């Protein structure tokens, strides 16, 4: 059984997300407009889509591994969460981590270029820019107590306690 998420296309260039293979957890998200991202700049990449996500689910926005490996483009809030009550356009926060130096001025690349080259990046409408995963979540109630000692088992140790 699958869960339905209703999608509205608000841009004629929008591409509906779809699973590429059986068993995939993520679906690619596509740029609906051309975007240029200069070194050091953070922009919103529009998908041209709005979702109606059922209560009890979220959509997580994650980087595509090829873009992370081959370019300095990053999704700085990854994984980003889209809550069930949000009805605005789905946009991807994209940052160009290239240095803002004179040696990259005039260098222009696309998301398909390899070599993690530094400079300005142009995203074209139809480029796959991120992926989304639909996840179920559990709503919790917090209970204030004097101490959490004795509740469950303390695994002990702190940050880095399991070694390298």
N, C-alpha and C. Protein backbone atom coordinates (compact mmCIF):
# COMPACT_ATOMS: atom_id res chain seq x y z
N UNK A 1 0.84 -1.18 0.00
CA UNK A 1 0.00 0.00 0.00
C UNK A 1 0.89 1.24 0.00
N UNK A 2 0.52 2.23 -0.76
CA UNK A 2 1.30 3.46 -0.79
C UNK A 2 0.45 4.62 -0.29
N UNK A 3 1.15 5.69 0.09
CA UNK A 3 0.50 6.90 0.56
C UNK A 3 0.44 7.89 -0.58
N UNK A 4 -0.66 8.61 -0.70
CA UNK A 4 -0.80 9.59 -1.77
C UNK A 4 -0.36 10.97 -1.30
N UNK A 5 0.42 11.61 -2.13
CA UNK A 5 0.78 13.02 -1.95
C UNK A 5 0.28 13.73 -3.20
N UNK A 6 -0.56 14.73 -3.00
CA UNK A 6 -1.11 15.47 -4.12
C UNK A 6 -0.11 16.54 -4.55
N UNK A 7 0.05 16.68 -5.88
CA UNK A 7 1.02 17.61 -6.44
C UNK A 7 0.32 18.57 -7.39
N UNK A 8 0.67 19.84 -7.26
CA UNK A 8 0.18 20.87 -8.17
C UNK A 8 1.37 21.44 -8.94
N UNK A 9 1.28 21.42 -10.27
CA UNK A 9 2.30 22.06 -11.11
C UNK A 9 1.93 23.52 -11.26
N UNK A 10 2.83 24.41 -10.82
CA UNK A 10 2.57 25.85 -10.93
C UNK A 10 3.48 26.50 -11.98
N UNK A 11 4.27 25.69 -12.65
CA UNK A 11 5.16 26.17 -13.70
C UNK A 11 5.12 25.13 -14.81
N UNK A 12 4.95 25.56 -16.04
CA UNK A 12 4.86 24.61 -17.16
C UNK A 12 6.11 23.77 -17.33
N UNK A 13 7.26 24.23 -16.79
CA UNK A 13 8.51 23.48 -16.90
C UNK A 13 8.71 22.48 -15.76
N UNK A 14 7.79 22.43 -14.83
CA UNK A 14 7.92 21.53 -13.68
C UNK A 14 7.89 20.08 -14.14
N UNK A 15 8.72 19.27 -13.50
CA UNK A 15 8.78 17.83 -13.77
C UNK A 15 8.35 17.12 -12.50
N UNK A 16 7.40 16.21 -12.62
CA UNK A 16 6.93 15.47 -11.45
C UNK A 16 8.01 14.51 -10.97
N UNK A 17 8.21 14.42 -9.66
CA UNK A 17 9.18 13.45 -9.14
C UNK A 17 8.68 12.03 -9.36
N UNK A 18 9.61 11.11 -9.59
CA UNK A 18 9.25 9.70 -9.78
C UNK A 18 10.44 8.84 -9.34
N UNK A 19 10.14 7.64 -8.90
CA UNK A 19 11.21 6.71 -8.56
C UNK A 19 11.87 6.21 -9.84
N UNK A 20 13.20 6.21 -9.87
CA UNK A 20 13.92 5.74 -11.06
C UNK A 20 13.94 4.21 -11.12
N UNK A 21 14.00 3.55 -9.96
CA UNK A 21 14.09 2.09 -9.91
C UNK A 21 13.23 1.55 -8.77
N UNK A 22 12.76 0.33 -8.92
CA UNK A 22 12.07 -0.33 -7.82
C UNK A 22 13.01 -0.38 -6.62
N UNK A 23 12.49 -0.10 -5.45
CA UNK A 23 13.29 -0.15 -4.24
C UNK A 23 13.99 1.14 -3.89
N UNK A 24 13.98 2.15 -4.78
CA UNK A 24 14.59 3.44 -4.47
C UNK A 24 13.83 4.13 -3.35
N UNK A 25 14.55 4.79 -2.47
CA UNK A 25 13.92 5.58 -1.41
C UNK A 25 13.68 7.01 -1.87
N UNK A 26 14.56 7.52 -2.74
CA UNK A 26 14.49 8.91 -3.15
C UNK A 26 14.00 9.08 -4.58
N UNK A 27 13.43 10.27 -4.80
CA UNK A 27 12.97 10.67 -6.13
C UNK A 27 13.68 11.98 -6.48
N UNK A 28 14.12 12.11 -7.71
CA UNK A 28 14.81 13.32 -8.13
C UNK A 28 13.84 14.50 -8.21
N UNK A 29 14.37 15.69 -7.87
CA UNK A 29 13.67 16.95 -8.04
C UNK A 29 14.40 17.75 -9.10
N UNK A 30 13.63 18.44 -9.94
CA UNK A 30 14.17 19.12 -11.11
C UNK A 30 13.98 20.63 -10.99
N UNK A 31 14.93 21.38 -11.53
CA UNK A 31 14.80 22.84 -11.60
C UNK A 31 13.74 23.19 -12.64
N UNK A 32 12.87 24.13 -12.30
CA UNK A 32 11.84 24.58 -13.22
C UNK A 32 12.25 25.84 -13.97
N UNK A 33 13.34 26.46 -13.53
CA UNK A 33 13.83 27.69 -14.14
C UNK A 33 15.35 27.66 -14.19
N UNK A 34 15.93 28.44 -15.10
CA UNK A 34 17.38 28.61 -15.13
C UNK A 34 17.80 29.47 -13.94
N UNK A 35 18.91 29.09 -13.31
CA UNK A 35 19.43 29.82 -12.15
C UNK A 35 20.94 29.88 -12.28
N UNK A 36 21.52 31.03 -11.99
CA UNK A 36 22.97 31.18 -11.94
C UNK A 36 23.36 31.40 -10.49
N UNK A 37 24.37 30.64 -10.03
CA UNK A 37 24.82 30.75 -8.64
C UNK A 37 26.31 31.12 -8.64
N UNK A 38 26.59 32.34 -8.25
CA UNK A 38 27.97 32.84 -8.19
C UNK A 38 28.68 32.26 -6.97
N UNK A 39 30.02 32.27 -6.97
CA UNK A 39 30.75 31.82 -5.80
C UNK A 39 30.30 32.54 -4.53
N UNK A 40 30.08 31.78 -3.47
CA UNK A 40 29.66 32.33 -2.19
C UNK A 40 28.18 32.65 -2.10
N UNK A 41 27.44 32.47 -3.16
CA UNK A 41 26.02 32.83 -3.19
C UNK A 41 25.15 31.64 -2.79
N UNK A 42 24.02 31.94 -2.12
CA UNK A 42 23.01 30.96 -1.77
C UNK A 42 21.70 31.42 -2.41
N UNK A 43 21.04 30.52 -3.13
CA UNK A 43 19.81 30.86 -3.86
C UNK A 43 18.74 29.81 -3.62
N UNK A 44 17.52 30.14 -4.02
CA UNK A 44 16.43 29.18 -4.05
C UNK A 44 16.29 28.68 -5.49
N UNK A 45 16.31 27.37 -5.67
CA UNK A 45 16.07 26.77 -6.96
C UNK A 45 14.62 26.28 -6.96
N UNK A 46 13.80 26.88 -7.80
CA UNK A 46 12.38 26.55 -7.82
C UNK A 46 12.13 25.25 -8.58
N UNK A 47 11.19 24.46 -8.05
CA UNK A 47 10.81 23.21 -8.72
C UNK A 47 9.52 23.36 -9.51
N UNK A 48 8.74 24.43 -9.25
CA UNK A 48 7.47 24.61 -9.92
C UNK A 48 6.38 23.68 -9.41
N UNK A 49 6.59 23.12 -8.21
CA UNK A 49 5.65 22.16 -7.63
C UNK A 49 5.19 22.61 -6.25
N UNK A 50 3.95 22.29 -5.93
CA UNK A 50 3.42 22.41 -4.58
C UNK A 50 2.89 21.04 -4.18
N UNK A 51 3.06 20.68 -2.92
CA UNK A 51 2.62 19.39 -2.42
C UNK A 51 1.55 19.57 -1.35
N UNK A 52 0.67 18.59 -1.23
CA UNK A 52 -0.22 18.44 -0.08
C UNK A 52 0.19 17.13 0.58
N UNK A 53 0.99 17.24 1.63
CA UNK A 53 1.57 16.08 2.32
C UNK A 53 0.64 15.68 3.46
N UNK A 54 0.30 14.40 3.58
CA UNK A 54 -0.60 14.00 4.66
C UNK A 54 0.04 14.17 6.04
N UNK A 55 -0.81 14.44 7.03
CA UNK A 55 -0.34 14.52 8.42
C UNK A 55 0.29 13.17 8.78
N UNK A 56 1.41 13.22 9.50
CA UNK A 56 2.13 12.00 9.85
C UNK A 56 3.29 11.71 8.92
N UNK A 57 3.44 12.55 7.87
CA UNK A 57 4.53 12.39 6.91
C UNK A 57 5.26 13.72 6.74
N UNK A 58 6.49 13.64 6.30
CA UNK A 58 7.28 14.79 5.90
C UNK A 58 7.97 14.44 4.60
N UNK A 59 8.39 15.45 3.86
CA UNK A 59 9.26 15.24 2.71
C UNK A 59 10.62 15.79 3.10
N UNK A 60 11.64 14.95 2.95
CA UNK A 60 13.02 15.36 3.24
C UNK A 60 13.71 15.69 1.92
N UNK A 61 14.39 16.83 1.90
CA UNK A 61 15.14 17.25 0.72
C UNK A 61 16.61 16.96 0.97
N UNK A 62 17.21 16.23 0.06
CA UNK A 62 18.60 15.79 0.22
C UNK A 62 19.41 16.08 -1.04
N UNK A 63 20.72 16.17 -0.89
CA UNK A 63 21.57 16.39 -2.07
C UNK A 63 21.60 15.16 -2.97
N UNK A 64 21.91 15.38 -4.23
CA UNK A 64 22.22 14.28 -5.15
C UNK A 64 23.72 14.04 -5.03
N UNK A 65 24.10 12.79 -4.91
CA UNK A 65 25.51 12.47 -4.65
C UNK A 65 26.44 12.95 -5.76
N UNK A 66 26.01 12.87 -7.02
CA UNK A 66 26.86 13.31 -8.12
C UNK A 66 27.17 14.79 -8.07
N UNK A 67 26.17 15.61 -7.69
CA UNK A 67 26.40 17.05 -7.57
C UNK A 67 27.34 17.32 -6.40
N UNK A 68 27.15 16.62 -5.28
CA UNK A 68 28.03 16.83 -4.12
C UNK A 68 29.46 16.42 -4.41
N UNK A 69 29.65 15.35 -5.18
CA UNK A 69 30.99 14.88 -5.50
C UNK A 69 31.68 15.74 -6.55
N UNK A 70 30.94 16.15 -7.56
CA UNK A 70 31.55 16.77 -8.74
C UNK A 70 31.49 18.28 -8.82
N UNK A 71 30.77 18.94 -7.89
CA UNK A 71 30.66 20.39 -7.92
C UNK A 71 30.80 20.94 -6.50
N UNK A 72 30.99 22.24 -6.37
CA UNK A 72 31.00 22.86 -5.04
C UNK A 72 29.60 23.28 -4.59
N UNK A 73 28.55 22.77 -5.26
CA UNK A 73 27.18 23.12 -4.90
C UNK A 73 26.72 22.26 -3.73
N UNK A 74 26.13 22.90 -2.74
CA UNK A 74 25.69 22.21 -1.52
C UNK A 74 24.27 22.63 -1.16
N UNK A 75 23.57 21.72 -0.49
CA UNK A 75 22.27 22.03 0.11
C UNK A 75 22.55 22.21 1.59
N UNK A 76 22.68 23.46 2.05
CA UNK A 76 23.22 23.72 3.39
C UNK A 76 22.34 23.25 4.55
N UNK A 77 21.05 23.07 4.33
CA UNK A 77 20.19 22.64 5.43
C UNK A 77 19.80 21.17 5.31
N UNK A 78 20.58 20.39 4.56
CA UNK A 78 20.23 18.99 4.29
C UNK A 78 20.34 18.13 5.54
N UNK A 79 19.39 17.24 5.78
CA UNK A 79 18.17 17.16 5.00
C UNK A 79 17.18 18.23 5.42
N UNK A 80 16.60 18.90 4.45
CA UNK A 80 15.56 19.88 4.73
C UNK A 80 14.23 19.17 4.93
N UNK A 81 13.39 19.71 5.78
CA UNK A 81 12.09 19.11 6.05
C UNK A 81 10.98 19.99 5.49
N UNK A 82 10.07 19.36 4.76
CA UNK A 82 8.84 20.02 4.33
C UNK A 82 7.72 19.38 5.13
N UNK A 83 7.07 20.18 5.96
CA UNK A 83 6.01 19.70 6.84
C UNK A 83 4.69 19.54 6.11
N UNK A 84 3.81 18.74 6.70
CA UNK A 84 2.52 18.45 6.08
C UNK A 84 1.65 19.69 5.91
N UNK A 85 1.84 20.72 6.70
CA UNK A 85 1.01 21.92 6.60
C UNK A 85 1.50 22.94 5.59
N UNK A 86 2.68 22.72 4.98
CA UNK A 86 3.23 23.69 4.02
C UNK A 86 2.59 23.49 2.65
N UNK A 87 2.11 24.57 2.06
CA UNK A 87 1.48 24.49 0.74
C UNK A 87 2.14 25.41 -0.28
N UNK A 88 3.29 25.97 0.05
CA UNK A 88 3.99 26.83 -0.90
C UNK A 88 4.81 26.02 -1.88
N UNK A 89 5.46 26.72 -2.80
CA UNK A 89 6.29 26.05 -3.79
C UNK A 89 7.48 25.36 -3.12
N UNK A 90 7.78 24.18 -3.61
CA UNK A 90 8.96 23.45 -3.13
C UNK A 90 10.18 24.06 -3.83
N UNK A 91 11.09 24.58 -3.01
CA UNK A 91 12.34 25.17 -3.52
C UNK A 91 13.51 24.50 -2.83
N UNK A 92 14.62 24.45 -3.52
CA UNK A 92 15.84 23.85 -2.98
C UNK A 92 16.80 24.99 -2.63
N UNK A 93 17.25 25.03 -1.38
CA UNK A 93 18.27 26.01 -0.99
C UNK A 93 19.61 25.47 -1.49
N UNK A 94 20.25 26.19 -2.39
CA UNK A 94 21.50 25.73 -3.00
C UNK A 94 22.57 26.79 -2.78
N UNK A 95 23.74 26.34 -2.32
CA UNK A 95 24.87 27.22 -2.03
C UNK A 95 26.06 26.82 -2.90
N UNK A 96 26.72 27.82 -3.45
CA UNK A 96 27.95 27.60 -4.21
C UNK A 96 29.11 27.91 -3.26
N UNK A 97 29.82 26.86 -2.85
CA UNK A 97 30.91 27.03 -1.88
C UNK A 97 32.24 27.38 -2.53
N UNK A 98 32.23 27.70 -3.83
CA UNK A 98 33.45 28.16 -4.49
C UNK A 98 33.95 29.42 -3.78
N UNK A 99 35.28 29.60 -3.69
CA UNK A 99 35.81 30.81 -3.06
C UNK A 99 35.47 32.04 -3.90
N UNK A 100 35.26 33.14 -3.22
CA UNK A 100 34.97 34.41 -3.91
C UNK A 100 36.29 35.09 -4.22
N UNK A 101 37.06 34.53 -5.15
CA UNK A 101 38.37 35.08 -5.47
C UNK A 101 38.47 35.37 -6.96
N UNK A 102 39.45 36.17 -7.31
CA UNK A 102 39.60 36.62 -8.69
C UNK A 102 39.95 35.47 -9.64
N UNK A 103 40.52 34.38 -9.14
CA UNK A 103 40.92 33.30 -10.04
C UNK A 103 39.74 32.45 -10.52
N UNK A 104 38.55 32.66 -9.97
CA UNK A 104 37.38 31.91 -10.44
C UNK A 104 36.42 32.78 -11.26
N UNK A 105 36.71 34.08 -11.35
CA UNK A 105 35.85 34.98 -12.12
C UNK A 105 35.89 34.57 -13.58
N UNK A 106 34.72 34.46 -14.18
CA UNK A 106 34.63 34.07 -15.58
C UNK A 106 34.53 32.58 -15.80
N UNK A 107 34.79 31.79 -14.76
CA UNK A 107 34.65 30.34 -14.87
C UNK A 107 33.18 29.99 -14.67
N UNK A 108 32.54 29.39 -15.67
CA UNK A 108 31.12 29.04 -15.59
C UNK A 108 30.96 27.56 -15.92
N UNK A 109 30.23 26.86 -15.05
CA UNK A 109 30.06 25.42 -15.18
C UNK A 109 28.60 25.05 -15.02
N UNK A 110 28.28 23.81 -15.37
CA UNK A 110 26.93 23.27 -15.18
C UNK A 110 26.96 22.12 -14.18
N UNK A 111 25.79 21.69 -13.73
CA UNK A 111 25.75 20.63 -12.72
C UNK A 111 26.25 19.29 -13.26
N UNK A 112 26.33 19.14 -14.56
CA UNK A 112 26.85 17.90 -15.14
C UNK A 112 28.36 17.89 -15.31
N UNK A 113 29.01 19.03 -15.08
CA UNK A 113 30.47 19.08 -15.22
C UNK A 113 31.13 18.34 -14.06
N UNK A 114 32.23 17.70 -14.36
CA UNK A 114 32.94 16.92 -13.33
C UNK A 114 34.20 17.64 -12.91
N UNK A 115 34.81 17.18 -11.82
CA UNK A 115 36.08 17.72 -11.38
C UNK A 115 35.98 18.71 -10.24
N UNK A 116 34.78 18.95 -9.72
CA UNK A 116 34.60 19.86 -8.60
C UNK A 116 35.31 21.19 -8.86
N UNK A 117 35.06 21.74 -10.04
CA UNK A 117 35.71 22.98 -10.45
C UNK A 117 35.07 24.18 -9.75
N UNK A 118 35.88 25.16 -9.44
CA UNK A 118 35.41 26.34 -8.71
C UNK A 118 35.02 27.44 -9.68
N UNK A 119 33.91 28.11 -9.38
CA UNK A 119 33.44 29.20 -10.22
C UNK A 119 31.94 29.34 -10.13
N UNK A 120 31.37 30.00 -11.11
CA UNK A 120 29.93 30.20 -11.18
C UNK A 120 29.28 28.96 -11.79
N UNK A 121 28.11 28.61 -11.28
CA UNK A 121 27.39 27.46 -11.80
C UNK A 121 26.04 27.88 -12.34
N UNK A 122 25.72 27.33 -13.50
CA UNK A 122 24.42 27.58 -14.11
C UNK A 122 23.60 26.30 -14.02
N UNK A 123 22.43 26.44 -13.40
CA UNK A 123 21.47 25.35 -13.36
C UNK A 123 20.45 25.65 -14.43
N UNK A 124 20.18 24.69 -15.28
CA UNK A 124 19.22 24.87 -16.37
C UNK A 124 17.89 24.21 -15.99
N UNK A 125 16.79 24.78 -16.47
CA UNK A 125 15.50 24.15 -16.22
C UNK A 125 15.56 22.72 -16.75
N UNK A 126 15.06 21.81 -15.94
CA UNK A 126 15.12 20.38 -16.28
C UNK A 126 16.29 19.65 -15.66
N UNK A 127 17.27 20.39 -15.09
CA UNK A 127 18.38 19.72 -14.39
C UNK A 127 17.88 19.08 -13.11
N UNK A 128 18.36 17.88 -12.82
CA UNK A 128 18.07 17.24 -11.55
C UNK A 128 18.97 17.88 -10.49
N UNK A 129 18.37 18.49 -9.47
CA UNK A 129 19.15 19.29 -8.52
C UNK A 129 19.16 18.75 -7.10
N UNK A 130 18.22 17.88 -6.77
CA UNK A 130 18.13 17.34 -5.41
C UNK A 130 17.30 16.08 -5.47
N UNK A 131 17.17 15.44 -4.33
CA UNK A 131 16.25 14.31 -4.25
C UNK A 131 15.38 14.47 -3.02
N UNK A 132 14.22 13.83 -3.08
CA UNK A 132 13.30 13.89 -1.95
C UNK A 132 12.99 12.49 -1.47
N UNK A 133 12.84 12.38 -0.16
CA UNK A 133 12.43 11.12 0.47
C UNK A 133 11.21 11.42 1.31
N UNK A 134 10.18 10.63 1.17
CA UNK A 134 8.98 10.78 1.98
C UNK A 134 9.16 9.89 3.21
N UNK A 135 8.97 10.47 4.39
CA UNK A 135 9.20 9.72 5.63
C UNK A 135 8.02 9.91 6.59
N UNK A 136 7.67 8.83 7.25
CA UNK A 136 6.66 8.87 8.30
C UNK A 136 7.34 9.38 9.57
N UNK A 137 6.63 10.13 10.37
CA UNK A 137 7.19 10.57 11.65
C UNK A 137 6.18 10.31 12.75
N UNK A 138 6.67 10.29 13.95
CA UNK A 138 5.86 10.05 15.14
C UNK A 138 5.76 11.34 15.93
N UNK A 139 4.55 11.74 16.28
CA UNK A 139 4.36 12.89 17.14
C UNK A 139 4.59 12.44 18.58
N UNK A 140 5.29 13.25 19.34
CA UNK A 140 5.61 12.89 20.73
C UNK A 140 5.09 13.95 21.68
N UNK A 141 4.93 13.55 22.92
CA UNK A 141 4.61 14.46 24.01
C UNK A 141 5.80 14.46 24.96
N UNK A 142 6.29 15.64 25.31
CA UNK A 142 7.40 15.73 26.25
C UNK A 142 6.84 15.74 27.66
N UNK A 143 7.52 15.00 28.55
CA UNK A 143 7.12 14.92 29.96
C UNK A 143 8.28 15.48 30.78
N UNK A 144 8.03 16.54 31.50
CA UNK A 144 9.06 17.16 32.32
C UNK A 144 9.26 16.34 33.60
N UNK A 145 10.53 15.99 33.89
CA UNK A 145 10.87 15.23 35.09
C UNK A 145 12.03 15.93 35.79
N UNK A 146 12.22 15.59 37.06
CA UNK A 146 13.34 16.16 37.82
C UNK A 146 14.68 15.63 37.31
N UNK A 147 14.72 14.34 36.90
CA UNK A 147 15.96 13.73 36.44
C UNK A 147 15.63 12.58 35.49
N UNK A 148 16.46 12.40 34.48
CA UNK A 148 16.28 11.26 33.58
C UNK A 148 17.08 10.05 34.03
N UNK A 149 17.87 10.21 35.09
CA UNK A 149 18.60 9.08 35.67
C UNK A 149 17.61 8.00 36.07
N UNK A 150 17.89 6.76 35.74
CA UNK A 150 17.03 5.66 36.11
C UNK A 150 15.90 5.40 35.13
N UNK A 151 15.74 6.24 34.11
CA UNK A 151 14.72 6.00 33.08
C UNK A 151 15.44 5.36 31.90
N UNK A 152 15.14 4.12 31.63
CA UNK A 152 15.83 3.39 30.58
C UNK A 152 17.25 3.09 31.02
N UNK A 153 18.10 2.74 30.07
CA UNK A 153 19.49 2.40 30.37
C UNK A 153 20.40 3.47 29.81
N UNK A 154 21.34 3.94 30.63
CA UNK A 154 22.35 4.92 30.20
C UNK A 154 23.48 4.16 29.52
N UNK A 155 23.73 4.41 28.26
CA UNK A 155 24.81 3.71 27.56
C UNK A 155 26.18 4.23 27.97
N UNK A 156 26.17 5.35 28.67
CA UNK A 156 27.40 6.00 29.18
C UNK A 156 28.30 6.46 28.05
N UNK A 157 29.23 7.31 28.38
CA UNK A 157 30.11 7.88 27.37
C UNK A 157 29.47 9.12 26.77
N UNK A 158 30.25 9.88 26.09
CA UNK A 158 29.75 11.11 25.49
C UNK A 158 30.17 11.21 24.06
N UNK A 159 30.31 12.42 23.59
CA UNK A 159 30.69 12.65 22.20
C UNK A 159 32.03 11.99 21.93
N UNK A 160 32.08 11.16 20.92
CA UNK A 160 33.33 10.48 20.54
C UNK A 160 33.68 9.29 21.41
N UNK A 161 32.79 8.85 22.29
CA UNK A 161 33.13 7.78 23.24
C UNK A 161 33.29 6.42 22.60
N UNK A 162 32.78 6.24 21.36
CA UNK A 162 32.93 4.94 20.73
C UNK A 162 34.22 4.83 19.91
N UNK A 163 35.01 5.89 19.91
CA UNK A 163 36.30 5.85 19.22
C UNK A 163 36.19 6.23 17.76
N UNK A 164 37.29 5.95 17.05
CA UNK A 164 37.38 6.31 15.64
C UNK A 164 37.16 5.07 14.79
